[in-house]
Protein backbone atom coordinates (compact mmCIF):
# COMPACT_ATOMS: atom_id res chain seq x y z
CA MET A 1 0.00 0.00 0.00
CA ALA A 2 1.16 3.56 -0.66
CA PRO A 3 2.66 5.58 2.23
CA ALA A 4 0.09 7.00 4.64
CA GLU A 5 0.98 10.54 3.58
CA THR A 6 -0.49 9.81 0.15
CA PHE A 7 -4.06 9.75 1.43
CA PHE A 8 -4.05 12.97 3.45
CA ALA A 9 -4.21 16.58 2.29
CA GLN A 10 -3.32 20.16 3.17
CA THR A 11 -6.56 21.83 2.04
CA TYR A 12 -10.20 20.86 1.73
CA ALA A 13 -9.97 21.20 -2.05
CA GLU A 14 -7.07 18.76 -2.17
CA ALA A 15 -8.84 16.32 0.16
CA ARG A 16 -11.99 16.43 -1.95
CA ALA A 17 -10.02 15.96 -5.18
CA LYS A 18 -8.33 12.88 -3.72
CA PHE A 19 -11.67 11.45 -2.60
CA LEU A 20 -13.28 12.04 -5.99
CA ALA A 21 -10.27 10.50 -7.75
CA ALA A 22 -10.40 7.45 -5.48
CA CYS A 23 -14.09 7.01 -6.27
CA GLU A 24 -13.41 7.37 -9.99
CA ALA A 25 -10.64 4.75 -9.79
CA ASN A 26 -13.18 2.38 -8.27
CA LYS A 27 -15.87 3.35 -10.80
CA LEU A 28 -18.13 4.61 -8.01
CA TYR A 29 -20.83 7.16 -8.69
CA VAL A 30 -20.51 10.21 -6.43
CA HIS A 31 -23.62 12.10 -5.41
CA SER A 32 -22.44 15.61 -4.54
CA HIS A 33 -24.71 17.73 -2.36
CA ALA A 34 -23.53 21.28 -3.06
CA HIS A 35 -23.21 23.65 -0.13
CA PRO A 36 -24.73 27.14 -0.61
CA LEU A 37 -21.45 28.93 0.19
CA ARG A 38 -17.94 28.81 -1.27
CA GLY A 39 -14.74 27.69 0.36
CA ARG A 40 -11.76 29.60 1.69
CA ASP A 41 -10.11 29.58 -1.74
CA GLY A 42 -13.35 30.16 -3.63
CA GLU A 43 -13.81 26.46 -4.31
CA GLU A 44 -17.10 24.58 -4.44
CA LEU A 45 -18.12 22.94 -1.17
CA ALA A 46 -20.10 19.72 -1.03
CA MET A 47 -21.05 16.71 1.04
CA ASP A 48 -19.89 13.96 -1.34
CA VAL A 49 -21.43 10.50 -1.04
CA ALA A 50 -20.30 7.26 -2.67
CA LEU A 51 -21.56 3.70 -2.24
CA LEU A 52 -19.22 0.72 -2.54
CA GLY A 53 -21.23 -2.45 -3.07
CA ALA A 54 -24.83 -3.41 -3.74
CA GLU A 55 -27.37 -0.61 -3.69
CA LYS A 56 -29.93 -2.66 -1.74
CA ALA A 57 -27.53 -4.53 0.55
CA GLU A 58 -29.08 -5.68 3.82
CA ARG A 59 -25.83 -4.87 5.63
CA LEU A 60 -24.51 -1.32 5.39
CA LEU A 61 -21.43 0.33 6.92
CA VAL A 62 -21.26 4.13 6.95
CA VAL A 63 -17.80 5.72 7.17
CA SER A 64 -18.06 9.49 7.59
CA SER A 65 -15.63 12.39 7.89
CA GLY A 66 -15.68 16.07 8.72
CA CYS A 67 -18.55 16.25 11.19
CA HIS A 68 -16.43 18.85 12.92
CA GLY A 69 -15.06 20.53 9.82
CA VAL A 70 -11.34 20.82 10.39
CA GLU A 71 -11.31 17.28 11.80
CA GLY A 72 -12.07 16.17 8.24
CA TYR A 73 -8.38 16.15 7.36
CA CYS A 74 -8.07 12.97 9.39
CA GLY A 75 -11.34 11.34 8.32
CA SER A 76 -10.79 12.10 4.65
CA GLY A 77 -7.42 10.38 4.80
CA VAL A 78 -9.06 7.30 6.31
CA GLN A 79 -11.72 7.21 3.59
CA ASN A 80 -9.19 7.65 0.79
CA ALA A 81 -7.02 4.84 2.18
CA LEU A 82 -9.97 2.44 2.50
CA LEU A 83 -10.98 3.18 -1.09
CA ALA A 84 -7.43 2.38 -2.22
CA ASP A 85 -7.25 -0.94 -0.39
CA SER A 86 -8.31 -3.98 -2.41
CA GLY A 87 -8.18 -6.13 0.73
CA PHE A 88 -10.83 -4.04 2.45
CA GLN A 89 -13.03 -4.07 -0.63
CA ALA A 90 -12.71 -7.86 -0.97
CA ALA A 91 -13.57 -8.29 2.71
CA ALA A 92 -16.66 -6.10 2.33
CA ALA A 93 -17.82 -8.07 -0.71
CA LYS A 94 -17.25 -11.40 1.06
CA ALA A 95 -19.21 -10.19 4.10
CA GLY A 96 -22.06 -8.95 1.93
CA VAL A 97 -21.60 -5.42 3.30
CA ALA A 98 -22.04 -2.26 1.28
CA VAL A 99 -19.97 0.72 2.43
CA LEU A 100 -21.35 4.25 2.26
CA PHE A 101 -18.63 6.89 2.32
CA ILE A 102 -19.85 10.35 3.38
CA HIS A 103 -17.04 12.80 2.73
CA ALA A 104 -17.16 16.13 4.55
CA LEU A 105 -20.34 16.21 6.60
CA ASN A 106 -19.45 19.84 7.29
CA PRO A 107 -17.53 20.99 4.21
CA TYR A 108 -17.65 24.66 5.23
CA GLY A 109 -15.77 24.04 8.46
CA PHE A 110 -13.37 21.71 6.64
CA SER A 111 -12.42 24.39 4.13
CA TRP A 112 -12.42 27.42 6.44
CA TRP A 113 -10.55 25.64 9.28
CA ARG A 114 -13.51 25.82 11.61
CA ARG A 115 -14.95 23.08 13.79
CA VAL A 116 -18.49 24.39 13.39
CA THR A 117 -20.79 24.92 10.42
CA HIS A 118 -21.34 28.21 8.64
CA GLU A 119 -24.16 28.81 11.14
CA ASN A 120 -21.56 28.59 13.96
CA VAL A 121 -23.25 25.36 15.07
CA ASP A 122 -21.55 22.23 16.36
CA LEU A 123 -23.13 19.60 14.08
CA ASN A 124 -22.68 16.93 16.75
CA ARG A 125 -24.93 18.93 19.10
CA ASN A 126 -27.58 19.74 16.45
CA PHE A 127 -29.84 16.65 16.63
CA HIS A 128 -32.54 16.80 19.29
CA GLY A 129 -35.51 14.77 20.44
CA PHE A 130 -37.05 11.81 18.67
CA HIS A 131 -39.63 13.44 16.43
CA GLY A 132 -37.52 15.58 14.16
CA PHE A 133 -37.15 19.25 13.48
CA HIS A 134 -39.96 20.67 15.58
CA ASP A 135 -38.23 19.54 18.78
CA PHE A 136 -35.91 22.53 18.47
CA HIS A 137 -38.79 24.56 19.86
CA ALA A 138 -39.15 22.42 22.99
CA PRO A 139 -38.93 24.48 26.21
CA TRP A 140 -35.83 22.65 27.46
CA ALA A 141 -33.80 23.65 24.42
CA ALA A 142 -33.02 27.12 25.76
CA ASP A 143 -31.02 26.12 28.81
CA ALA A 144 -31.91 22.75 30.35
CA ALA A 145 -29.55 20.70 28.17
CA ASN A 146 -26.47 22.14 29.88
CA PRO A 147 -27.15 24.69 32.64
CA GLY A 148 -23.46 24.75 33.57
CA TYR A 149 -22.51 26.56 30.37
CA GLY A 150 -24.08 29.77 31.63
CA ASP A 151 -21.68 29.75 34.57
CA VAL A 152 -18.59 29.73 32.35
CA ALA A 153 -19.71 31.37 29.09
CA HIS A 154 -18.30 34.77 30.03
CA LEU A 155 -14.89 33.18 30.64
CA LEU A 156 -14.62 31.15 27.45
CA VAL A 157 -14.66 33.86 24.81
CA PRO A 158 -13.23 36.99 26.48
CA ALA A 159 -13.17 40.52 25.11
CA THR A 160 -9.48 40.34 24.20
CA TRP A 161 -7.05 37.67 23.03
CA PRO A 162 -4.79 36.48 24.47
CA PRO A 163 -6.94 36.42 27.61
CA ALA A 164 -6.08 38.69 30.51
CA ALA A 165 -4.53 37.18 33.64
CA ASP A 166 -7.75 37.51 35.63
CA ASN A 167 -9.63 35.48 33.02
CA GLU A 168 -7.17 32.61 33.19
CA ALA A 169 -7.19 32.80 36.99
CA ALA A 170 -10.98 32.56 37.05
CA ILE A 171 -10.91 29.43 34.86
CA ALA A 172 -8.26 27.86 37.09
CA ALA A 173 -10.38 28.67 40.14
CA TYR A 174 -13.46 27.06 38.56
CA ILE A 175 -11.51 23.88 37.79
CA ALA A 176 -9.99 23.81 41.28
CA SER A 177 -13.45 24.18 42.81
CA HIS A 178 -15.50 21.92 40.53
CA GLY A 179 -12.94 19.56 38.98
CA MET A 180 -11.75 19.03 35.41
CA LYS A 181 -14.63 16.70 34.52
CA ALA A 182 -17.20 19.31 35.54
CA TRP A 183 -15.34 21.97 33.55
CA GLN A 184 -15.29 19.78 30.44
CA GLN A 185 -18.97 18.93 30.88
CA ALA A 186 -20.03 22.55 31.27
CA VAL A 187 -17.96 23.72 28.29
CA SER A 188 -18.52 20.93 25.76
CA ALA A 189 -21.82 19.14 26.47
CA GLY A 190 -23.69 21.45 24.09
CA GLN A 191 -25.62 24.66 24.70
CA HIS A 192 -28.39 26.70 23.08
CA THR A 193 -28.09 30.09 24.74
CA HIS A 194 -24.90 31.64 23.31
CA PRO A 195 -24.84 31.59 19.48
CA GLU A 196 -21.38 33.19 19.45
CA GLY A 197 -20.00 30.80 22.06
CA LEU A 198 -18.51 27.31 22.02
CA PHE A 199 -20.34 24.05 21.26
CA PHE A 200 -23.51 25.88 20.23
CA GLY A 201 -26.20 23.34 19.33
CA GLY A 202 -28.30 25.72 17.25
CA HIS A 203 -31.93 26.71 17.26
CA THR A 204 -32.77 25.11 13.91
CA PRO A 205 -31.39 22.21 11.86
CA THR A 206 -28.25 23.19 9.96
CA TRP A 207 -27.64 22.61 6.25
CA SER A 208 -25.39 19.68 7.17
CA HIS A 209 -28.06 18.22 9.46
CA GLN A 210 -30.72 18.32 6.76
CA THR A 211 -28.40 17.08 4.02
CA LEU A 212 -27.20 14.12 6.10
CA ARG A 213 -30.79 13.09 6.74
CA HIS A 214 -31.51 13.18 3.01
CA VAL A 215 -28.43 11.00 2.42
CA LEU A 216 -29.64 8.41 4.93
CA GLN A 217 -33.13 8.48 3.46
CA ASP A 218 -31.65 7.84 0.01
CA HIS A 219 -29.17 5.13 0.96
CA ALA A 220 -29.94 3.56 4.34
CA GLN A 221 -33.67 2.88 4.59
CA HIS A 222 -33.48 -0.57 3.03
CA CYS A 223 -30.78 -2.18 5.17
CA LYS A 224 -31.50 -4.49 8.09
CA ARG A 225 -28.17 -3.95 9.85
CA LEU A 226 -26.45 -0.57 9.94
CA GLY A 227 -22.93 0.11 11.25
CA TRP A 228 -21.36 3.55 11.47
CA ILE A 229 -17.80 4.76 12.03
CA ASP A 230 -17.59 8.54 12.38
CA VAL A 231 -13.98 9.80 12.45
CA HIS A 232 -13.04 12.59 14.89
CA THR A 233 -9.94 14.18 16.39
CA GLY A 234 -9.01 16.26 19.42
CA LEU A 235 -9.44 14.07 22.50
CA GLY A 236 -6.99 11.72 24.15
CA PRO A 237 -3.27 10.87 23.77
CA ASN A 238 -1.66 11.84 20.49
CA GLY A 239 -2.33 9.24 17.80
CA HIS A 240 -4.50 7.01 19.96
CA GLY A 241 -7.90 6.21 18.49
CA GLU A 242 -10.44 5.97 21.30
CA ARG A 243 -13.43 3.87 20.31
CA ILE A 244 -16.38 5.79 21.71
CA TYR A 245 -19.78 4.15 21.54
CA LEU A 246 -22.04 6.23 19.29
CA GLY A 247 -25.66 5.38 19.95
CA PRO A 248 -28.56 5.49 22.40
CA ASP A 249 -28.11 4.60 26.05
CA GLU A 250 -29.22 1.00 25.58
CA ALA A 251 -27.37 -1.90 27.17
CA ALA A 252 -27.87 -4.30 24.26
CA SER A 253 -26.56 -1.80 21.71
CA ILE A 254 -23.52 -0.94 23.83
CA ALA A 255 -22.78 -4.62 24.35
CA ARG A 256 -23.00 -5.24 20.61
CA ALA A 257 -20.54 -2.40 19.92
CA ARG A 258 -18.11 -3.99 22.38
CA ARG A 259 -18.49 -7.37 20.69
CA TRP A 260 -17.61 -5.74 17.38
CA TRP A 261 -14.79 -3.44 18.43
CA GLY A 262 -13.60 -4.90 21.72
CA PRO A 263 -14.08 -4.29 25.44
CA GLU A 264 -12.07 -1.07 25.17
CA VAL A 265 -15.08 0.67 23.60
CA THR A 266 -15.90 3.55 25.93
CA SER A 267 -19.20 5.28 26.59
CA ILE A 268 -20.30 8.80 27.47
CA TYR A 269 -23.11 7.25 29.52
CA ASP A 270 -20.98 5.42 32.09
CA GLY A 271 -18.16 7.99 32.28
CA SER A 272 -15.55 5.72 30.69
CA SER A 273 -14.98 8.01 27.69
CA SER A 274 -12.60 10.96 27.47
CA SER A 275 -15.63 12.83 26.10
CA ALA A 276 -18.18 14.55 28.29
CA LYS A 277 -21.81 13.40 28.17
CA LEU A 278 -23.17 15.19 25.11
CA SER A 279 -26.60 16.09 23.71
CA GLY A 280 -27.96 16.40 20.18
CA LEU A 281 -25.61 13.78 18.74
CA LEU A 282 -25.27 12.90 15.06
CA PHE A 283 -26.25 9.24 15.48
CA THR A 284 -29.82 10.35 16.21
CA SER A 285 -30.27 10.75 12.46
CA ALA A 286 -29.94 6.97 12.13
CA VAL A 287 -32.57 6.47 14.85
CA TRP A 288 -34.96 8.84 13.08
CA ASP A 289 -34.42 7.83 9.47
CA CYS A 290 -33.44 4.15 9.64
CA PRO A 291 -35.84 2.67 12.20
CA GLN A 292 -35.93 -0.61 10.27
CA ALA A 293 -32.25 -1.29 10.93
CA GLU A 294 -30.33 -2.69 13.88
CA TYR A 295 -27.88 0.17 14.43
CA THR A 296 -24.36 -0.09 15.88
CA GLY A 297 -22.08 2.94 15.88
CA MET A 298 -18.72 4.24 17.02
CA ALA A 299 -16.88 7.53 16.99
CA LEU A 300 -13.22 6.84 16.28
CA GLU A 301 -11.64 9.71 18.21
CA TYR A 302 -7.92 10.34 17.58
CA GLY A 303 -5.84 12.29 20.06
CA THR A 304 -3.80 15.33 19.10
CA LEU A 305 -2.90 17.78 21.92
CA PRO A 306 -3.66 17.77 25.66
CA LEU A 307 -7.26 18.70 26.48
CA MET A 308 -6.57 22.18 27.84
CA ASP A 309 -4.44 23.04 24.79
CA VAL A 310 -7.27 21.97 22.50
CA MET A 311 -9.71 24.03 24.58
CA GLN A 312 -7.44 27.06 24.36
CA ASN A 313 -7.36 26.80 20.58
CA LEU A 314 -11.15 26.46 20.47
CA ARG A 315 -11.48 29.61 22.55
CA ALA A 316 -9.02 31.53 20.37
CA GLU A 317 -10.69 30.51 17.12
CA GLN A 318 -14.16 31.49 18.34
CA TRP A 319 -12.79 34.81 19.59
CA LEU A 320 -11.32 35.36 16.12
CA GLU A 321 -14.68 34.58 14.49
CA ASN A 322 -16.29 37.19 16.75
CA HIS A 323 -13.60 39.75 15.89
CA PRO A 324 -13.18 39.98 12.09
CA GLU A 325 -11.16 43.19 12.54
CA THR A 326 -8.24 41.13 13.91
CA PRO A 327 -4.92 41.92 12.15
CA PRO A 328 -3.99 39.38 9.44
CA ALA A 329 -0.86 38.15 11.21
CA GLN A 330 -2.69 37.31 14.44
CA SER A 331 -5.56 35.80 12.47
CA ALA A 332 -3.20 33.51 10.54
CA GLN A 333 -1.43 32.46 13.73
CA ILE A 334 -4.69 31.53 15.47
CA LYS A 335 -5.96 29.63 12.43
CA LYS A 336 -2.75 27.63 11.96
CA ALA A 337 -2.66 26.68 15.63
CA PHE A 338 -6.33 25.70 15.43
CA ARG A 339 -5.79 23.34 12.51
CA ASP A 340 -2.77 21.82 14.25
CA ALA A 341 -4.92 21.17 17.33
CA PHE A 342 -7.05 18.78 15.27
CA TYR A 343 -4.56 17.50 12.72
CA THR A 344 -1.08 16.30 13.65
CA ASP A 345 0.54 16.72 10.27
CA THR A 346 3.29 14.09 10.55
CA PRO A 347 3.86 10.75 8.75
CA GLN A 348 3.96 8.89 12.06
CA TRP A 349 0.59 10.19 13.25
CA LYS A 350 -1.04 9.49 9.89
CA GLN A 351 0.22 5.92 9.88
CA GLN A 352 -1.17 5.39 13.37
CA ILE A 353 -4.51 6.73 12.21
CA LEU A 354 -4.71 4.35 9.26
CA ASP A 355 -3.57 1.28 11.21
CA GLN A 356 -6.34 1.73 13.77
CA ALA A 357 -8.97 2.73 11.21
CA PHE A 358 -8.32 -0.36 9.11
CA GLN A 359 -8.64 -2.61 12.13
CA ALA A 360 -11.89 -0.96 13.22
CA SER A 361 -13.32 -1.08 9.69
CA HIS A 362 -12.59 -4.79 9.26
CA GLN A 363 -14.11 -5.44 12.70
CA ALA A 364 -17.24 -3.60 11.60
CA LEU A 365 -17.50 -5.78 8.49
CA ALA A 366 -17.22 -8.90 10.63
CA GLY A 367 -19.78 -7.56 13.09
CA LEU A 368 -22.28 -6.79 10.36
CA ALA A 369 -21.81 -10.20 8.79
CA THR A 370 -22.54 -12.20 11.96
């Protein structure tokens, strides 16, 4: 197989070109859902979808990238490598599993080096309730999902950057008083009260939310068994792929995920994951739109920098978004550091990513086949 570097990119446009070329090499039709805005370099943005295998297969594996925009550099590389690997394709065919590649769930964030969508919404906090869109108007949506965010919101995105000493001292005092887990929960669980803050879940479904649901309605309403690997970065030790259960808080579903991917699969529900307990998660789209299928999902979360360093870059990037008058040099510095916080651009890291992704993908094929 080609060196790991081959499958990764330096821009969204390059990543997309590699994905489209890989699909063409495999004679796969690509359905491109065009985004309404343009990219950082004026390029077209799209959620690109390709199906490897039978259109009406009873067993379907979804492999998705770019839920959190800039994290797509990692997920795109995984998808491109899987498409280039004849061994994976042969294993999928033998298992009777079709593979649906969804490239760049959030193409805007991918291109513009943002984690959020063009609406400043965290896509993985944008799915609520069990009856669809109208649940955004439920009374709880304003503050009940994460009341702790209101206690720290004024600290997260300060008036100036870098933050003043009293701001950093106040954050340290909160962590000392409440603990790191409580800090992470308050900051990252998802919130609906501060549209210009962090981890904003939105008040309406985003373009990416609606487009993903259309994709599932087109491709995943016939299958009886549905597996999903959603690739992320930013939590945990550098290069380590944490296998985080991605599904409802149901014992049988969690147990099945651990049979597929091993006992090391963690969960936000029992506190074993490096992630906080989150709301409005992406997997809910499968619950809504594929009720006929037995669903088993995992977020493959690759570590980059220590948690507080990642948080600091998230704060800086949101501050920059709120301050478009920022001088170009400072803007470029913040953006570069932000991308590096979610993409360790080294051959060693990329090889680690692919090794773990290939193992998890083959395990998913075996799980779907049994």
